[in-house]
Amino acid sequence: MAKHSLCSVEGCDKKRHARGFCKAHYKYWHRHGTPHPSFAANGDLPTFLNNAVAHIGGECLMWPFGKCSNGYAWVSSVGCSAHVYVCRGAHGEKPTNKHEVAHSCGNKSCVNPSHLRWATRAENAADREMHGTLLTGERSPKAKLTDAQVAEIRSLRGKLFQYEVADRFNVNVTTVNAIMNGRHRAETT
């Protein structure tokens, strides 16, 4: 088999599937952001978490172990995500149930306590929008319409019945109504 048709991960001799990786490495890359599995040796995880809480450096402190499909690290031994554990340890319990951990760096793999803070959902969303990590509009995996289609739907207000617009764009009439009446921003289809 030609070298260019093999997985690009060193030492892997499986056939290339996507993005230069075999199926296994591609799946791992897609889920964790790296094709290289990383597993904690016994005792490494608690040590890392305790060191992370006390960390004082300015650079991102990257989570070196595996992550869930949402990109965050769930630590079953402590019953929460790693960034939540570190934020609690460094900044105390969250002020209210309406608060969540926000990353000032925009990197959800970072557990540097100086990059973490308690914020409301709206503040966290504003941070994600500022960092470009808020998946809205065409960037959202749930998006059914492009920004151009949303603009076109708005331009059809008063020209076609909403059910006709819904049929044209293969969406629900409720979606068309929300777009035409401004309850959907152009970038959040």
Protein backbone atom coordinates (compact mmCIF):
# COMPACT_ATOMS: atom_id res chain seq x y z
CA MET A 1 0.00 0.00 0.00
CA ALA A 2 1.37 3.46 -0.90
CA LYS A 3 2.67 5.53 2.02
CA HIS A 4 0.36 8.46 1.18
CA SER A 5 -2.71 6.25 1.61
CA LEU A 6 -1.79 5.31 5.19
CA CYS A 7 -2.78 7.05 8.42
CA SER A 8 -0.55 10.04 9.17
CA VAL A 9 -0.13 9.05 12.83
CA GLU A 10 3.39 7.76 13.34
CA GLY A 11 3.47 3.99 13.74
CA CYS A 12 -0.07 3.45 12.41
CA ASP A 13 -0.23 1.30 9.30
CA LYS A 14 -3.98 1.46 8.76
CA LYS A 15 -5.58 2.85 5.63
CA ARG A 16 -6.25 6.60 5.57
CA HIS A 17 -9.93 7.48 6.11
CA ALA A 18 -10.35 11.26 6.63
CA ARG A 19 -8.14 14.29 7.36
CA GLY A 20 -5.11 12.06 6.97
CA PHE A 21 -6.14 9.67 9.75
CA CYS A 22 -7.43 6.10 9.81
CA LYS A 23 -10.99 5.61 11.10
CA ALA A 24 -9.88 5.04 14.71
CA HIS A 25 -7.54 8.05 14.86
CA TYR A 26 -10.07 10.23 13.02
CA LYS A 27 -12.81 9.33 15.53
CA TYR A 28 -10.48 10.09 18.41
CA TRP A 29 -9.39 13.40 16.78
CA HIS A 30 -13.03 14.36 16.14
CA ARG A 31 -14.03 13.72 19.75
CA HIS A 32 -10.92 14.94 21.61
CA GLY A 33 -9.18 17.37 19.25
CA THR A 34 -6.10 15.18 18.95
CA PRO A 35 -5.52 11.82 17.25
CA HIS A 36 -3.30 10.70 20.13
CA PRO A 37 -5.12 8.98 22.99
CA SER A 38 -3.93 10.09 26.40
CA PHE A 39 -4.65 8.05 29.47
CA ALA A 40 -3.77 8.95 33.04
CA ALA A 41 -1.63 6.58 35.01
CA ASN A 42 -3.01 5.70 38.44
CA GLY A 43 -2.45 8.67 40.74
CA ASP A 44 -1.75 11.18 37.95
CA LEU A 45 -5.28 12.58 37.81
CA PRO A 46 -5.62 13.66 41.48
CA THR A 47 -2.10 15.10 41.38
CA PHE A 48 -2.85 17.04 38.21
CA LEU A 49 -6.15 18.41 39.60
CA ASN A 50 -4.53 19.55 42.86
CA ASN A 51 -1.64 21.17 40.98
CA ALA A 52 -4.10 22.84 38.59
CA VAL A 53 -6.00 24.49 41.47
CA ALA A 54 -2.71 25.94 42.77
CA HIS A 55 -1.37 26.88 39.30
CA ILE A 56 -0.23 30.52 38.97
CA GLY A 57 1.11 30.70 35.38
CA GLY A 58 -0.39 32.94 32.71
CA GLU A 59 -0.51 30.51 29.78
CA CYS A 60 -3.35 28.06 29.20
CA LEU A 61 -3.02 24.93 31.30
CA MET A 62 -4.26 22.23 28.95
CA TRP A 63 -6.18 19.20 30.23
CA PRO A 64 -3.89 16.29 29.30
CA PHE A 65 -6.37 13.45 29.75
CA GLY A 66 -9.35 12.27 27.70
CA LYS A 67 -12.45 14.36 27.19
CA CYS A 68 -16.18 13.78 26.72
CA SER A 69 -17.81 14.28 23.33
CA ASN A 70 -18.61 17.90 24.29
CA GLY A 71 -14.88 18.63 24.62
CA TYR A 72 -14.90 19.00 28.41
CA ALA A 73 -13.30 16.60 30.86
CA TRP A 74 -15.72 14.79 33.16
CA VAL A 75 -13.92 13.54 36.24
CA SER A 76 -16.10 10.84 37.74
CA SER A 77 -13.96 10.59 40.89
CA VAL A 78 -14.91 14.19 41.82
CA GLY A 79 -18.36 14.19 40.21
CA CYS A 80 -17.94 17.18 37.91
CA SER A 81 -16.00 18.59 34.98
CA ALA A 82 -12.32 19.37 35.51
CA HIS A 83 -12.79 23.09 34.84
CA VAL A 84 -15.63 23.23 37.40
CA TYR A 85 -13.47 21.43 39.99
CA VAL A 86 -10.56 23.83 39.42
CA CYS A 87 -12.81 26.90 39.48
CA ARG A 88 -14.38 25.76 42.78
CA GLY A 89 -10.96 25.10 44.28
CA ALA A 90 -9.55 28.44 43.20
CA HIS A 91 -12.59 30.75 43.49
CA GLY A 92 -14.97 29.00 45.88
CA GLU A 93 -18.45 27.63 45.24
CA LYS A 94 -20.53 29.23 42.52
CA PRO A 95 -22.43 32.28 43.82
CA THR A 96 -25.86 31.11 42.60
CA ASN A 97 -27.37 28.26 40.58
CA LYS A 98 -27.47 30.66 37.62
CA HIS A 99 -23.67 30.79 37.43
CA GLU A 100 -21.40 28.57 35.36
CA VAL A 101 -17.68 28.46 34.62
CA ALA A 102 -16.48 30.88 31.94
CA HIS A 103 -13.09 30.67 30.22
CA SER A 104 -11.46 34.07 29.65
CA CYS A 105 -9.10 32.43 27.14
CA GLY A 106 -11.89 30.85 25.09
CA ASN A 107 -10.24 27.42 25.28
CA LYS A 108 -12.51 24.81 26.85
CA SER A 109 -9.56 22.43 27.35
CA CYS A 110 -7.85 24.98 29.61
CA VAL A 111 -7.99 24.49 33.39
CA ASN A 112 -5.77 27.43 34.41
CA PRO A 113 -7.58 28.94 37.44
CA SER A 114 -6.64 32.47 36.35
CA HIS A 115 -8.54 31.84 33.09
CA LEU A 116 -11.66 30.53 34.89
CA ARG A 117 -14.37 32.49 36.69
CA TRP A 118 -18.00 32.19 37.71
CA ALA A 119 -20.28 33.97 35.24
CA THR A 120 -23.96 34.00 34.35
CA ARG A 121 -25.08 32.12 31.26
CA ALA A 122 -25.46 35.44 29.39
CA GLU A 123 -21.93 36.55 30.39
CA ASN A 124 -20.52 33.18 29.34
CA ALA A 125 -22.34 33.37 25.98
CA ALA A 126 -20.97 36.89 25.45
CA ASP A 127 -17.45 35.55 26.14
CA ARG A 128 -17.96 32.71 23.66
CA GLU A 129 -19.21 35.16 21.03
CA MET A 130 -16.18 37.40 21.64
CA HIS A 131 -13.81 34.41 21.32
CA GLY A 132 -15.61 33.07 18.25
CA THR A 133 -16.47 29.79 19.97
CA LEU A 134 -20.24 30.36 20.15
CA LEU A 135 -21.72 28.11 17.49
CA THR A 136 -24.44 30.23 15.93
CA GLY A 137 -25.88 30.51 12.47
CA GLU A 138 -24.13 28.47 9.84
CA ARG A 139 -21.45 27.39 12.35
CA SER A 140 -24.00 25.55 14.49
CA PRO A 141 -24.19 21.82 13.84
CA LYS A 142 -27.97 22.13 14.22
CA ALA A 143 -28.34 24.91 11.61
CA LYS A 144 -30.79 24.16 8.83
CA LEU A 145 -30.56 27.56 7.16
CA THR A 146 -27.69 29.73 6.00
CA ASP A 147 -27.50 33.40 6.93
CA ALA A 148 -28.39 34.23 3.31
CA GLN A 149 -31.51 32.05 3.53
CA VAL A 150 -32.58 33.82 6.74
CA ALA A 151 -32.19 37.17 4.98
CA GLU A 152 -34.22 35.86 2.03
CA ILE A 153 -36.98 34.62 4.35
CA ARG A 154 -37.16 38.10 5.90
CA SER A 155 -37.37 39.67 2.45
CA LEU A 156 -40.39 37.46 1.63
CA ARG A 157 -42.47 38.84 4.52
CA GLY A 158 -45.80 40.06 3.10
CA LYS A 159 -45.03 38.61 -0.34
CA LEU A 160 -45.76 34.94 0.36
CA PHE A 161 -47.73 33.07 3.01
CA GLN A 162 -45.56 31.69 5.77
CA TYR A 163 -46.48 28.11 4.90
CA GLU A 164 -45.27 28.75 1.32
CA VAL A 165 -41.94 30.06 2.64
CA ALA A 166 -41.69 27.09 5.00
CA ASP A 167 -42.24 24.68 2.11
CA ARG A 168 -39.69 26.50 -0.05
CA PHE A 169 -36.97 26.26 2.62
CA ASN A 170 -38.07 22.90 4.07
CA VAL A 171 -38.53 24.27 7.61
CA ASN A 172 -41.42 24.55 10.05
CA VAL A 173 -43.90 27.45 9.78
CA THR A 174 -43.03 28.32 13.40
CA THR A 175 -39.41 28.85 12.36
CA VAL A 176 -40.45 31.10 9.47
CA ASN A 177 -42.72 33.09 11.81
CA ALA A 178 -39.92 33.55 14.34
CA ILE A 179 -37.48 34.71 11.64
CA MET A 180 -39.97 37.10 10.04
CA ASN A 181 -40.93 38.59 13.40
CA GLY A 182 -37.38 39.10 14.62
CA ARG A 183 -37.29 36.39 17.25
CA HIS A 184 -34.31 34.81 15.45
CA ARG A 185 -31.22 36.91 14.85
CA ALA A 186 -29.81 36.54 11.36
CA GLU A 187 -26.80 34.69 12.75
CA THR A 188 -28.80 32.24 14.89
CA THR A 189 -30.94 30.22 12.53
